Protein backbone atom coordinates (compact mmCIF):
# COMPACT_ATOMS: atom_id res chain seq x y z
CA UNK A 1 65.91 144.72 143.18
CA UNK A 2 65.67 141.56 141.26
CA UNK A 3 61.83 141.10 141.47
CA UNK A 4 62.18 137.45 140.57
CA UNK A 5 58.45 136.84 140.94
CA UNK A 6 57.61 139.73 138.62
CA UNK A 7 59.95 138.29 136.00
CA UNK A 8 58.14 135.00 136.19
CA UNK A 9 54.78 136.72 135.55
CA UNK A 10 56.22 138.80 132.79
CA UNK A 11 57.64 135.91 130.98
CA UNK A 12 54.46 133.93 131.14
CA UNK A 13 52.06 136.79 130.32
CA UNK A 14 53.96 138.76 127.83
CA UNK A 15 57.23 137.30 126.56
CA UNK A 16 56.90 133.51 126.15
CA UNK A 17 54.94 132.09 123.22
CA UNK A 18 51.67 130.99 124.81
CA UNK A 19 50.62 127.32 124.71
CA UNK A 20 47.79 127.79 122.34
CA UNK A 21 50.13 129.09 119.69
CA UNK A 22 52.58 126.36 120.46
CA UNK A 23 49.91 123.77 120.06
CA UNK A 24 48.68 125.22 116.78
CA UNK A 25 52.23 125.31 115.40
CA UNK A 26 52.85 121.83 116.18
CA UNK A 27 49.72 120.73 114.64
CA UNK A 28 50.53 122.77 111.39
CA UNK A 29 54.06 121.23 111.29
CA UNK A 30 52.64 117.72 111.40
CA UNK A 31 50.32 118.41 108.61
CA UNK A 32 53.09 119.93 106.52
CA UNK A 33 55.24 116.78 107.16
CA UNK A 34 52.32 114.60 106.03
CA UNK A 35 51.92 116.82 102.93
CA UNK A 36 55.52 116.54 101.85
CA UNK A 37 55.58 112.77 102.39
CA UNK A 38 52.48 112.39 100.14
CA UNK A 39 53.69 114.74 97.54
CA UNK A 40 55.62 114.05 94.20
CA UNK A 41 58.70 115.78 95.49
CA UNK A 42 61.45 113.45 94.33
CA UNK A 43 64.13 113.49 97.18
CA UNK A 44 63.81 110.49 99.50
CA UNK A 45 63.02 111.87 103.01
CA UNK A 46 65.11 110.65 105.95
CA UNK A 47 63.57 112.70 108.67
CA UNK A 48 62.47 116.16 109.74
CA UNK A 49 64.53 118.39 112.10
CA UNK A 50 63.31 121.46 114.02
CA UNK A 51 65.74 124.40 113.88
CA UNK A 52 66.19 127.88 115.22
CA UNK A 53 64.37 129.46 118.22
CA UNK A 54 61.70 126.79 118.18
CA UNK A 55 64.21 124.06 118.58
CA UNK A 56 66.26 126.09 121.20
CA UNK A 57 63.16 126.89 123.22
CA UNK A 58 63.90 130.71 122.99
CA UNK A 59 61.01 131.47 120.66
CA UNK A 60 58.91 134.49 121.93
CA UNK A 61 55.53 135.97 121.45
CA UNK A 62 55.30 138.38 118.41
CA UNK A 63 55.15 142.09 119.56
CA UNK A 64 52.86 144.64 118.02
CA UNK A 65 51.67 143.22 114.70
CA UNK A 66 54.64 141.14 114.22
CA UNK A 67 54.88 137.34 113.42
CA UNK A 68 56.60 134.45 114.97
CA UNK A 69 58.29 131.90 112.75
CA UNK A 70 59.47 128.34 113.11
CA UNK A 71 62.17 126.61 110.98
CA UNK A 72 61.63 123.01 109.85
CA UNK A 73 64.39 121.15 108.00
CA UNK A 74 63.54 118.29 105.57
CA UNK A 75 66.55 116.02 105.75
CA UNK A 76 66.74 114.10 102.42
CA UNK A 77 68.98 111.73 100.50
CA UNK A 78 70.59 113.26 97.41
CA UNK A 79 69.03 113.06 93.91
CA UNK A 80 71.59 112.22 91.31
CA UNK A 81 72.25 115.26 89.08
CA UNK A 82 70.10 117.70 91.04
CA UNK A 83 71.43 121.28 91.51
CA UNK A 84 71.10 123.11 94.83
CA UNK A 85 68.36 125.33 93.27
CA UNK A 86 66.29 122.31 92.23
CA UNK A 87 65.70 121.10 95.69
CA UNK A 88 64.20 124.41 96.77
CA UNK A 89 62.38 125.16 93.47
CA UNK A 90 60.71 121.61 93.35
CA UNK A 91 59.70 121.88 96.97
CA UNK A 92 58.15 125.21 96.27
CA UNK A 93 56.41 123.81 93.33
CA UNK A 94 54.50 121.19 95.16
CA UNK A 95 53.40 123.78 97.79
CA UNK A 96 52.42 126.44 95.13
CA UNK A 97 50.43 123.86 93.11
CA UNK A 98 48.49 122.70 96.03
CA UNK A 99 44.92 123.99 96.86
CA UNK A 100 45.77 123.95 100.66
CA UNK A 101 49.04 125.97 100.64
CA UNK A 102 49.19 127.70 97.11
CA UNK A 103 48.03 131.22 98.34
CA UNK A 104 50.20 130.93 101.54
CA UNK A 105 53.54 130.09 99.82
CA UNK A 106 56.54 132.00 98.90
CA UNK A 107 59.86 130.52 97.66
CA UNK A 108 62.93 132.11 99.00
CA UNK A 109 66.70 131.41 98.57
CA UNK A 110 67.01 128.64 101.12
CA UNK A 111 63.46 127.73 101.97
CA UNK A 112 59.72 127.69 101.21
CA UNK A 113 57.78 129.86 103.59
CA UNK A 114 54.09 129.17 104.52
CA UNK A 115 52.41 132.27 105.94
CA UNK A 116 49.11 131.80 107.95
CA UNK A 117 46.38 134.23 108.29
CA UNK A 118 47.23 134.81 111.99
CA UNK A 119 50.73 135.69 113.07
CA UNK A 120 52.67 132.64 112.23
CA UNK A 121 54.75 131.44 109.42
CA UNK A 122 56.79 128.34 108.94
CA UNK A 123 60.04 128.00 106.94
CA UNK A 124 60.75 124.66 105.31
CA UNK A 125 64.27 124.12 103.95
CA UNK A 126 65.82 121.09 102.22
CA UNK A 127 68.83 119.70 104.11
CA UNK A 128 70.73 117.13 101.78
CA UNK A 129 72.79 114.40 103.25
CA UNK A 130 75.68 112.35 102.09
CA UNK A 131 75.83 114.20 98.73
CA UNK A 132 79.58 114.08 97.95
CA UNK A 133 80.57 111.64 100.85
CA UNK A 134 79.23 110.06 103.95
CA UNK A 135 78.36 112.29 106.88
CA UNK A 136 77.88 115.64 105.00
CA UNK A 137 74.77 117.94 105.55
CA UNK A 138 74.16 120.83 103.20
CA UNK A 139 71.50 123.42 102.78
CA UNK A 140 70.60 124.60 99.25
CA UNK A 141 71.01 128.19 98.02
CA UNK A 142 68.47 128.54 95.18
CA UNK A 143 70.01 132.06 94.14
CA UNK A 144 73.64 131.11 93.81
CA UNK A 145 73.03 127.36 93.05
CA UNK A 146 75.43 126.30 95.72
CA UNK A 147 75.28 123.62 98.46
CA UNK A 148 76.37 125.02 101.79
CA UNK A 149 77.52 123.12 104.97
CA UNK A 150 75.22 122.93 107.75
CA UNK A 151 75.23 121.37 111.22
CA UNK A 152 71.76 122.25 112.86
CA UNK A 153 71.66 119.32 115.28
CA UNK A 154 75.15 120.18 116.65
CA UNK A 155 74.16 123.85 117.11
CA UNK A 156 70.97 122.95 118.91
CA UNK A 157 73.09 120.53 121.09
CA UNK A 158 75.50 123.42 121.78
CA UNK A 159 72.57 125.65 122.83
CA UNK A 160 71.10 123.00 125.17
CA UNK A 161 74.43 122.42 126.65
CA UNK A 162 74.82 126.16 127.57
CA UNK A 163 71.34 126.22 129.08
CA UNK A 164 72.21 123.13 131.17
CA UNK A 165 74.94 125.24 133.05
CA UNK A 166 72.23 127.65 134.26
CA UNK A 167 69.76 127.17 137.16
CA UNK A 168 65.95 127.07 136.73
CA UNK A 169 66.45 127.28 132.89
CA UNK A 170 67.61 130.96 133.52
CA UNK A 171 69.80 131.11 130.56
CA UNK A 172 67.00 130.45 128.12
CA UNK A 173 64.62 132.76 129.96
CA UNK A 174 67.28 135.65 129.75
CA UNK A 175 67.77 134.96 126.08
CA UNK A 176 64.01 135.40 125.43
CA UNK A 177 63.99 138.68 127.36
CA UNK A 178 66.93 140.04 125.35
CA UNK A 179 65.00 138.99 122.16
CA UNK A 180 62.00 140.96 123.61
CA UNK A 181 64.02 144.15 124.16
CA UNK A 182 65.27 143.87 120.59
CA UNK A 183 61.79 143.42 119.18
CA UNK A 184 59.88 145.96 121.44
CA UNK A 185 62.58 148.76 121.35
CA UNK A 186 63.68 148.38 117.73
CA UNK A 187 66.95 150.09 118.61
CA UNK A 188 69.29 147.67 116.95
CA UNK A 189 69.40 144.91 114.25
CA UNK A 190 70.64 141.43 115.11
CA UNK A 191 69.17 138.34 113.63
CA UNK A 192 68.22 135.66 116.11
CA UNK A 193 70.93 133.10 115.16
CA UNK A 194 73.69 135.79 115.64
CA UNK A 195 72.15 137.03 118.81
CA UNK A 196 71.63 133.61 120.24
CA UNK A 197 75.31 132.64 119.45
CA UNK A 198 76.65 135.95 121.14
CA UNK A 199 74.57 135.17 124.14
CA UNK A 200 75.45 131.47 124.19
CA UNK A 201 79.28 132.44 124.43
CA UNK A 202 78.57 134.32 127.73
CA UNK A 203 78.10 131.09 129.81
CA UNK A 204 80.62 128.36 130.47
CA UNK A 205 80.83 125.15 132.13
CA UNK A 206 82.29 126.71 135.43
CA UNK A 207 79.15 128.77 135.77
CA UNK A 208 77.13 125.81 136.71
CA UNK A 209 75.36 126.26 140.00
CA UNK A 210 76.79 129.72 140.39
CA UNK A 211 74.92 132.74 141.82
CA UNK A 212 75.43 134.48 138.39
CA UNK A 213 72.74 132.33 136.70
CA UNK A 214 70.55 131.34 139.90
CA UNK A 215 67.56 133.24 138.84
CA UNK A 216 66.38 134.99 135.60
CA UNK A 217 67.27 138.63 136.55
CA UNK A 218 70.74 137.56 137.70
CA UNK A 219 71.22 135.63 134.41
CA UNK A 220 70.17 138.62 132.37
CA UNK A 221 72.45 141.02 134.25
CA UNK A 222 75.40 138.54 134.00
CA UNK A 223 74.77 138.05 130.15
CA UNK A 224 74.45 141.65 129.40
CA UNK A 225 77.46 142.57 131.50
CA UNK A 226 79.74 139.96 130.00
CA UNK A 227 78.36 140.76 126.50
CA UNK A 228 78.95 144.62 126.95
CA UNK A 229 82.50 143.88 128.19
CA UNK A 230 83.21 141.70 125.09
CA UNK A 231 81.90 144.31 122.74
CA UNK A 232 83.62 147.30 124.24
CA UNK A 233 86.89 145.50 123.87
CA UNK A 234 86.04 145.25 120.08
CA UNK A 235 85.33 148.52 118.53
CA UNK A 236 85.58 147.04 115.03
CA UNK A 237 83.19 144.26 114.00
CA UNK A 238 84.58 140.93 115.27
CA UNK A 239 84.16 137.47 113.76
CA UNK A 240 81.32 135.43 115.43
CA UNK A 241 81.99 131.89 114.23
CA UNK A 242 79.11 129.29 114.27
CA UNK A 243 80.12 127.00 117.22
CA UNK A 244 78.95 123.92 115.16
CA UNK A 245 80.60 124.97 111.85
CA UNK A 246 83.61 127.44 112.66
CA UNK A 247 84.21 128.24 109.09
CA UNK A 248 80.76 130.04 108.93
CA UNK A 249 80.89 133.65 110.24
CA UNK A 250 77.57 134.83 111.63
CA UNK A 251 78.87 138.36 111.81
CA UNK A 252 78.38 138.49 107.99
CA UNK A 253 74.71 139.11 108.88
CA UNK A 254 75.73 142.67 110.10
CA UNK A 255 77.37 145.48 108.33
CA UNK A 256 79.86 147.81 110.24
CA UNK A 257 77.22 150.38 111.12
CA UNK A 258 74.74 147.93 112.55
CA UNK A 259 77.51 146.31 114.62
CA UNK A 260 78.43 149.75 116.13
CA UNK A 261 74.78 150.47 116.84
CA UNK A 262 74.35 147.09 118.51
CA UNK A 263 77.52 147.72 120.56
CA UNK A 264 76.25 151.09 121.80
CA UNK A 265 72.76 149.80 122.83
CA UNK A 266 74.02 146.82 124.69
CA UNK A 267 76.16 149.22 126.69
CA UNK A 268 73.16 151.36 127.42
CA UNK A 269 70.86 148.53 128.33
CA UNK A 270 73.49 146.88 130.56
CA UNK A 271 73.60 150.25 132.62
CA UNK A 272 69.83 150.31 132.84
CA UNK A 273 69.68 146.75 134.00
CA UNK A 274 72.33 147.44 136.71
CA UNK A 275 70.38 150.37 137.88
CA UNK A 276 67.11 148.45 138.11
CA UNK A 277 68.81 145.76 140.25
CA UNK A 278 70.55 148.24 142.46
CA UNK A 279 67.30 150.18 143.14
CA UNK A 280 66.49 150.43 146.89
CA UNK A 281 62.69 150.27 146.64
CA UNK A 282 60.21 148.10 144.85
CA UNK A 283 58.55 151.00 143.19
CA UNK A 284 61.90 152.56 142.15
CA UNK A 285 63.04 149.15 140.75
CA UNK A 286 59.80 148.61 138.72
CA UNK A 287 60.15 152.07 137.20
CA UNK A 288 63.77 151.31 136.05
CA UNK A 289 62.86 147.75 134.72
CA UNK A 290 60.07 149.42 132.80
CA UNK A 291 62.69 151.64 131.15
CA UNK A 292 64.12 148.44 129.86
CA UNK A 293 60.98 146.41 129.09
CA UNK A 294 58.06 148.95 128.82
CA UNK A 295 54.91 149.11 130.80
CA UNK A 296 53.92 145.43 130.63
CA UNK A 297 56.60 144.68 133.19
CA UNK A 298 54.86 144.38 136.58
CA UNK A 299 51.74 145.78 134.87
CA UNK A 300 49.01 146.85 137.43
CA UNK A 301 51.68 148.38 139.69
CA UNK A 302 51.01 152.03 140.26
CA UNK A 303 54.32 153.60 139.85
CA UNK A 304 55.88 156.37 137.79
CA UNK A 305 56.39 155.47 134.02
CA UNK A 306 59.55 156.21 132.32
CA UNK A 307 57.94 156.14 129.00
CA UNK A 308 55.15 158.52 130.18
CA UNK A 309 57.80 160.94 131.45
CA UNK A 310 59.56 160.54 128.12
CA UNK A 311 56.35 161.30 126.22
CA UNK A 312 55.84 164.51 128.09
CA UNK A 313 59.37 165.71 127.26
CA UNK A 314 58.77 164.59 123.69
CA UNK A 315 55.66 166.92 123.36
CA UNK A 316 57.85 169.75 124.60
CA UNK A 317 60.34 169.21 121.83
CA UNK A 318 57.86 169.06 118.94
CA UNK A 319 57.06 172.29 117.09
CA UNK A 320 53.98 172.90 114.80
CA UNK A 321 56.53 173.62 111.98
CA UNK A 322 57.81 169.94 112.28
CA UNK A 323 61.29 171.47 112.90
CA UNK A 324 61.49 169.59 116.24
CA UNK A 325 64.30 170.16 118.56
CA UNK A 326 67.50 167.92 117.93
CA UNK A 327 67.09 166.47 121.45
CA UNK A 328 64.04 164.62 120.20
CA UNK A 329 66.32 162.17 118.41
CA UNK A 330 68.14 161.50 121.74
CA UNK A 331 64.63 160.56 123.38
CA UNK A 332 63.79 158.32 120.45
CA UNK A 333 67.22 156.57 120.75
CA UNK A 334 66.40 155.80 124.38
CA UNK A 335 62.67 154.84 124.28
CA UNK A 336 61.88 154.14 120.66
CA UNK A 337 59.11 155.52 118.34
CA UNK A 338 56.25 154.54 120.61
CA UNK A 339 56.72 157.89 122.51
CA UNK A 340 55.76 159.77 119.38
CA UNK A 341 52.20 161.13 119.49
CA UNK A 342 49.78 159.94 116.80
CA UNK A 343 49.68 163.45 115.13
CA UNK A 344 53.45 163.34 114.65
CA UNK A 345 52.83 161.35 111.29
CA UNK A 346 50.83 164.26 109.91
CA UNK A 347 53.17 167.37 109.87
CA UNK A 348 51.84 170.57 108.34
CA UNK A 349 53.78 170.34 105.23
CA UNK A 350 52.72 166.70 104.27
CA UNK A 351 50.77 166.42 101.01
CA UNK A 352 47.36 165.02 100.86
CA UNK A 353 46.86 161.87 98.38
CA UNK A 354 45.64 163.26 95.10
CA UNK A 355 43.91 160.07 94.14
CA UNK A 356 40.07 159.25 94.65
CA UNK A 357 39.76 156.27 96.94
CA UNK A 358 37.81 152.97 96.69
CA UNK A 359 35.12 152.11 99.21
CA UNK A 360 37.74 150.04 101.10
CA UNK A 361 41.29 151.27 101.23
CA UNK A 362 43.39 148.43 102.61
CA UNK A 363 45.84 149.19 105.45
CA UNK A 364 47.36 145.60 105.09
CA UNK A 365 50.23 147.19 103.19
CA UNK A 366 53.80 146.61 104.66
CA UNK A 367 57.01 148.66 104.15
CA UNK A 368 60.27 147.20 104.65
CA UNK A 369 63.85 148.71 104.33
CA UNK A 370 67.53 147.75 103.73
CA UNK A 371 70.55 149.92 104.59
CA UNK A 372 73.49 150.24 102.22
CA UNK A 373 76.37 152.53 102.25
CA UNK A 374 75.87 153.25 98.55
CA UNK A 375 73.04 152.46 96.19
CA UNK A 376 74.60 149.54 94.45
CA UNK A 377 76.28 148.16 97.64
CA UNK A 378 75.50 145.35 99.86
CA UNK A 379 72.31 145.94 101.78
CA UNK A 380 71.17 144.63 105.28
CA UNK A 381 67.56 144.73 106.63
CA UNK A 382 66.80 147.48 109.14
CA UNK A 383 63.74 147.73 111.43
CA UNK A 384 61.10 150.42 111.57
CA UNK A 385 62.45 153.21 113.83
CA UNK A 386 66.05 151.72 113.96
CA UNK A 387 68.61 154.39 114.52
CA UNK A 388 70.77 155.04 111.44
CA UNK A 389 73.76 157.35 110.63
CA UNK A 390 73.57 160.36 108.34
CA UNK A 391 75.33 158.44 105.47
CA UNK A 392 74.48 155.82 103.06
CA UNK A 393 70.83 155.22 102.20
CA UNK A 394 67.73 152.89 102.41
CA UNK A 395 66.07 150.74 99.82
CA UNK A 396 62.36 150.83 100.69
CA UNK A 397 60.07 148.04 99.48
CA UNK A 398 56.45 147.18 99.84
CA UNK A 399 54.35 144.01 100.19
CA UNK A 400 50.61 143.44 100.74
CA UNK A 401 48.97 140.93 103.08
CA UNK A 402 52.34 140.44 104.86
CA UNK A 403 54.20 138.71 102.02
CA UNK A 404 52.61 139.10 98.59
CA UNK A 405 54.03 141.44 95.77
CA UNK A 406 51.80 144.35 94.68
CA UNK A 407 49.45 143.02 92.04
CA UNK A 408 50.35 143.85 88.34
CA UNK A 409 47.20 145.87 87.94
CA UNK A 410 48.42 148.38 90.53
CA UNK A 411 51.34 150.81 90.74
CA UNK A 412 53.18 152.23 93.81
CA UNK A 413 53.84 155.81 94.80
CA UNK A 414 56.04 156.73 97.87
CA UNK A 415 55.53 159.68 100.23
CA UNK A 416 58.75 160.64 101.83
CA UNK A 417 58.32 163.20 104.62
CA UNK A 418 61.37 164.78 106.49
CA UNK A 419 61.18 166.53 109.83
CA UNK A 420 63.73 168.13 112.04
CA UNK A 421 65.37 171.48 112.40
CA UNK A 422 67.98 170.93 109.70
CA UNK A 423 65.75 169.69 107.06
CA UNK A 424 63.11 172.33 107.62
CA UNK A 425 65.65 175.03 107.69
CA UNK A 426 66.96 173.99 104.30
CA UNK A 427 63.30 173.63 103.01
CA UNK A 428 63.82 169.84 102.55
CA UNK A 429 60.61 168.68 104.34
CA UNK A 430 59.19 167.29 101.21
CA UNK A 431 56.13 165.27 102.02
CA UNK A 432 55.13 164.86 98.38
CA UNK A 433 54.91 161.76 96.27
CA UNK A 434 57.61 159.95 94.35
CA UNK A 435 57.97 157.19 91.83
CA UNK A 436 59.77 153.98 92.65
CA UNK A 437 63.36 153.64 91.21
CA UNK A 438 63.52 149.89 90.53
CA UNK A 439 60.37 147.96 90.27
CA UNK A 440 58.38 149.13 93.34
CA UNK A 441 61.45 149.94 95.38
CA UNK A 442 62.56 153.54 96.26
CA UNK A 443 66.15 154.57 97.20
CA UNK A 444 66.57 157.45 99.74
CA UNK A 445 69.84 159.00 100.76
CA UNK A 446 70.23 159.51 104.56
CA UNK A 447 71.23 163.17 105.32
CA UNK A 448 69.34 165.18 107.87
CA UNK A 449 69.29 164.46 111.80
CA UNK A 450 65.63 163.94 112.74
CA UNK A 451 62.76 161.49 112.62
CA UNK A 452 61.44 161.02 109.10
CA UNK A 453 58.68 158.95 107.46
CA UNK A 454 58.26 156.73 104.30
CA UNK A 455 54.73 155.60 103.33
CA UNK A 456 53.56 153.40 100.32
CA UNK A 457 50.44 154.10 98.36
CA UNK A 458 49.03 151.51 96.03
CA UNK A 459 46.87 152.86 93.18
CA UNK A 460 44.71 150.82 90.72
CA UNK A 461 45.81 151.39 87.13
CA UNK A 462 42.40 151.05 85.46
CA UNK A 463 40.87 154.06 87.31
CA UNK A 464 43.64 155.66 89.29
CA UNK A 465 41.98 154.99 92.59
CA UNK A 466 43.81 154.52 95.78
CA UNK A 467 43.37 150.96 97.07
CA UNK A 468 46.03 150.62 99.63
CA UNK A 469 48.05 152.61 102.04
CA UNK A 470 50.88 151.51 104.48
CA UNK A 471 51.50 152.85 107.98
CA UNK A 472 54.66 155.01 108.15
CA UNK A 473 58.15 153.47 108.33
CA UNK A 474 60.08 155.63 110.69
CA UNK A 475 63.57 156.60 109.81
CA UNK A 476 65.62 157.90 112.70
CA UNK A 477 68.91 159.65 111.64
CA UNK A 478 71.30 160.62 114.49
């Protein structure tokens, strides 16, 4: 069953960015615009351009403790003699030197990011116009020193045109739902611009006023079905050109493993969506939709919960020795790490931190990871709990207070804990403390099927006291 009314409530109550946050975002952006105009940043400002999910109206509410971000381009006239890096560095300087933004600012390759104490961050990127000849638009890569072609307004026009073919804004709503599944399930990696482009290609002018996009669940089923058909016909990673700038291939944001994983999960979710729509009763349909979206879909309805059933099966697979059954991995692949019980992160062989603690040990410590086929190879970000192959490895890194580097008066130790039948049989459970390999980063090979944990501990140098400890970053190896 389609349950159109339930989808309307689910979007309003759970998926869509609520109006309070939108109003706060708009106020902050206007303040940033005024700040840049009044600063000593040299490039003459032409205008400001919204970009990304915010501009496309596909932005969603952050899940768990995540953040939502908005992209703002500062369109400027070229400054004679300036390098690409200068535009970003100098913009970063005016924010870093200010009393208002200094402690909220990080300068990245293309942009300056302002992170607020709540769940919002704003990326501000210079967009240089008419540098070599009339009509060019270029973003600036601080790391490489290169100017790169960009057509943000054309891309936004393309997205709005695609949405115009659907009824009741159903295309945008389905796009938000797919992003929500990505964020809540954490089963695959796909940056928003790549995902939005893939989705955008699934609707054409001849779909206008058709039943395929007449309401939100119909649009979702149509998009996922067409996307799955397209992916299954392409076992190897295809090109995904930027529709506004065909020379740019958004597929470069994936590696081959991430593409294969995305392809598999779209196929799985497509089947679940078909099953939910084909269900004969409301109760059965809600249960199947919850398999896709979790228990917040049609919340308040008293029906069986797919996740609850999965949790019961999970408990049966877990053993006190941490040598859990291999089938646990299959359940995690389907339902995500949320089905793991709280005690899973404390297996018997895990070692207790040897350091004395301060009065207040911060848990505002975040672990991130990047996957690479080899230690010195190109790396791609992966999500907590994302399913990975038993080859290659992960670079783990750590930040505090969402984006700040670990203070110089502290050092980092990593606790890497393996679980699963193979690792435990080979006495490779580990669970002890390891030094970083480069700076505060730690490299770990992916070898044993199972669900493994990486945690960062931050210790003060002056007295060897523990001052910070992250939540586990779950590594699922299939």
